[in-house]
C-alpha cells in the first residue's frame, strides 16, 4: 500500500474532499462533505488513519465513532475517534 495515499483513490467525486498529512507525509485525516461545503461548516464526516511502525495503514477510525456529516473539518484534531 505504499505510504497510504492510494487509500483515497476511490473517493467519489460527488463530495468535496479534504486530506491532512502527518509529519511522515502519510494521510492522517480524510474528510468529505457535500460539494460546496466549507471547512468551517458542520457538514463533514471525518476519518483518522492509524499506521503501524512501518507506515502501513492498519485501521480507519471515525470522528465521534460515526459516519454522520455533522463534523467541522477545521476541528478534526479535537474529535474522539473510534
C-alpha atoms as a PDB file:
ATOM      1  CA  UNK A   1       0.000   0.000   0.000  1.00  0.00           C
ATOM      2  CA  UNK A   2       2.960   2.326  -0.090  1.00  0.00           C
ATOM      3  CA  UNK A   3       2.523   5.320   2.173  1.00  0.00           C
ATOM      4  CA  UNK A   4      -1.273   5.070   2.260  1.00  0.00           C
ATOM      5  CA  UNK A   5      -2.093   7.740  -0.325  1.00  0.00           C
ATOM      6  CA  UNK A   6      -3.804   5.162  -2.523  1.00  0.00           C
ATOM      7  CA  UNK A   7      -6.466   4.773   0.192  1.00  0.00           C
ATOM      8  CA  UNK A   8      -8.202   7.817  -1.255  1.00  0.00           C
ATOM      9  CA  UNK A   9      -8.165   6.806  -4.904  1.00  0.00           C
ATOM     10  CA  UNK A  10     -11.761   5.550  -4.800  1.00  0.00           C
ATOM     11  CA  UNK A  11     -13.335   8.613  -3.158  1.00  0.00           C
ATOM     12  CA  UNK A  12     -16.395   9.662  -5.056  1.00  0.00           C
ATOM     13  CA  UNK A  13     -16.467  12.995  -6.870  1.00  0.00           C
ATOM     14  CA  UNK A  14     -19.898  13.966  -5.563  1.00  0.00           C
ATOM     15  CA  UNK A  15     -18.243  15.172  -2.366  1.00  0.00           C
ATOM     16  CA  UNK A  16     -15.743  17.841  -1.504  1.00  0.00           C
ATOM     17  CA  UNK A  17     -12.737  16.011  -0.071  1.00  0.00           C
ATOM     18  CA  UNK A  18     -10.045  17.199   2.340  1.00  0.00           C
ATOM     19  CA  UNK A  19      -6.894  15.341   3.397  1.00  0.00           C
ATOM     20  CA  UNK A  20      -4.437  16.273   6.153  1.00  0.00           C
ATOM     21  CA  UNK A  21      -0.980  14.679   6.296  1.00  0.00           C
ATOM     22  CA  UNK A  22       1.204  13.730   9.242  1.00  0.00           C
ATOM     23  CA  UNK A  23       4.889  14.614   9.604  1.00  0.00           C
ATOM     24  CA  UNK A  24       5.850  11.490   7.600  1.00  0.00           C
ATOM     25  CA  UNK A  25       3.682  12.678   4.677  1.00  0.00           C
ATOM     26  CA  UNK A  26       1.101   9.949   5.297  1.00  0.00           C
ATOM     27  CA  UNK A  27      -2.578  10.888   5.068  1.00  0.00           C
ATOM     28  CA  UNK A  28      -3.674  11.160   8.700  1.00  0.00           C
ATOM     29  CA  UNK A  29      -7.185  12.583   8.363  1.00  0.00           C
ATOM     30  CA  UNK A  30      -9.625  12.490   5.461  1.00  0.00           C
ATOM     31  CA  UNK A  31     -12.996  14.081   5.263  1.00  0.00           C
ATOM     32  CA  UNK A  32     -15.807  14.545   2.841  1.00  0.00           C
ATOM     33  CA  UNK A  33     -18.806  16.832   2.670  1.00  0.00           C
ATOM     34  CA  UNK A  34     -21.413  17.879   0.136  1.00  0.00           C
ATOM     35  CA  UNK A  35     -19.883  19.759  -2.775  1.00  0.00           C
ATOM     36  CA  UNK A  36     -19.612  23.444  -1.930  1.00  0.00           C
ATOM     37  CA  UNK A  37     -19.215  22.937   1.826  1.00  0.00           C
ATOM     38  CA  UNK A  38     -16.538  24.976   3.560  1.00  0.00           C
ATOM     39  CA  UNK A  39     -14.113  23.537   6.094  1.00  0.00           C
ATOM     40  CA  UNK A  40     -15.524  25.586   8.964  1.00  0.00           C
ATOM     41  CA  UNK A  41     -19.062  24.283   8.376  1.00  0.00           C
ATOM     42  CA  UNK A  42     -20.670  21.450  10.349  1.00  0.00           C
ATOM     43  CA  UNK A  43     -21.088  19.307   7.210  1.00  0.00           C
ATOM     44  CA  UNK A  44     -18.222  16.818   7.246  1.00  0.00           C
ATOM     45  CA  UNK A  45     -17.648  13.167   8.057  1.00  0.00           C
ATOM     46  CA  UNK A  46     -14.046  12.542   9.029  1.00  0.00           C
ATOM     47  CA  UNK A  47     -11.769   9.535   9.415  1.00  0.00           C
ATOM     48  CA  UNK A  48      -8.403   9.162  11.096  1.00  0.00           C
ATOM     49  CA  UNK A  49      -5.967   6.622   9.655  1.00  0.00           C
ATOM     50  CA  UNK A  50      -3.785   4.665  12.075  1.00  0.00           C
ATOM     51  CA  UNK A  51      -0.413   3.346  10.897  1.00  0.00           C
ATOM     52  CA  UNK A  52       1.917   0.637  12.176  1.00  0.00           C
ATOM     53  CA  UNK A  53       5.633   1.246  12.804  1.00  0.00           C
ATOM     54  CA  UNK A  54       6.371   0.558   9.107  1.00  0.00           C
ATOM     55  CA  UNK A  55       3.939   3.298   7.983  1.00  0.00           C
ATOM     56  CA  UNK A  56       1.381   0.783   6.757  1.00  0.00           C
ATOM     57  CA  UNK A  57      -2.253   1.777   7.358  1.00  0.00           C
ATOM     58  CA  UNK A  58      -3.807  -0.665   9.807  1.00  0.00           C
ATOM     59  CA  UNK A  59      -7.139   0.869  10.761  1.00  0.00           C
ATOM     60  CA  UNK A  60      -9.572   3.646   9.990  1.00  0.00           C
ATOM     61  CA  UNK A  61     -11.459   5.336  12.825  1.00  0.00           C
ATOM     62  CA  UNK A  62     -14.483   7.651  12.553  1.00  0.00           C
ATOM     63  CA  UNK A  63     -14.743  11.015  14.291  1.00  0.00           C
ATOM     64  CA  UNK A  64     -17.052  10.622  17.292  1.00  0.00           C
ATOM     65  CA  UNK A  65     -17.479   6.977  16.255  1.00  0.00           C
ATOM     66  CA  UNK A  66     -19.953   7.650  13.452  1.00  0.00           C
ATOM     67  CA  UNK A  67     -20.268   8.453   9.763  1.00  0.00           C
ATOM     68  CA  UNK A  68     -22.632  11.410  10.143  1.00  0.00           C
ATOM     69  CA  UNK A  69     -21.998  14.550   8.106  1.00  0.00           C
ATOM     70  CA  UNK A  70     -22.048  16.727  11.240  1.00  0.00           C
ATOM     71  CA  UNK A  71     -18.387  17.453  11.942  1.00  0.00           C
ATOM     72  CA  UNK A  72     -16.259  20.518  11.245  1.00  0.00           C
ATOM     73  CA  UNK A  73     -13.124  19.769   9.228  1.00  0.00           C
ATOM     74  CA  UNK A  74     -11.184  22.573  10.898  1.00  0.00           C
ATOM     75  CA  UNK A  75     -11.841  20.876  14.281  1.00  0.00           C
ATOM     76  CA  UNK A  76     -10.713  17.397  13.170  1.00  0.00           C
ATOM     77  CA  UNK A  77      -7.940  17.126  15.782  1.00  0.00           C
ATOM     78  CA  UNK A  78     -10.358  17.781  18.650  1.00  0.00           C
ATOM     79  CA  UNK A  79     -12.683  14.832  17.976  1.00  0.00           C
ATOM     80  CA  UNK A  80     -12.552  11.422  19.619  1.00  0.00           C
ATOM     81  CA  UNK A  81     -12.009   8.624  17.085  1.00  0.00           C
ATOM     82  CA  UNK A  82     -13.273   5.077  17.316  1.00  0.00           C
END
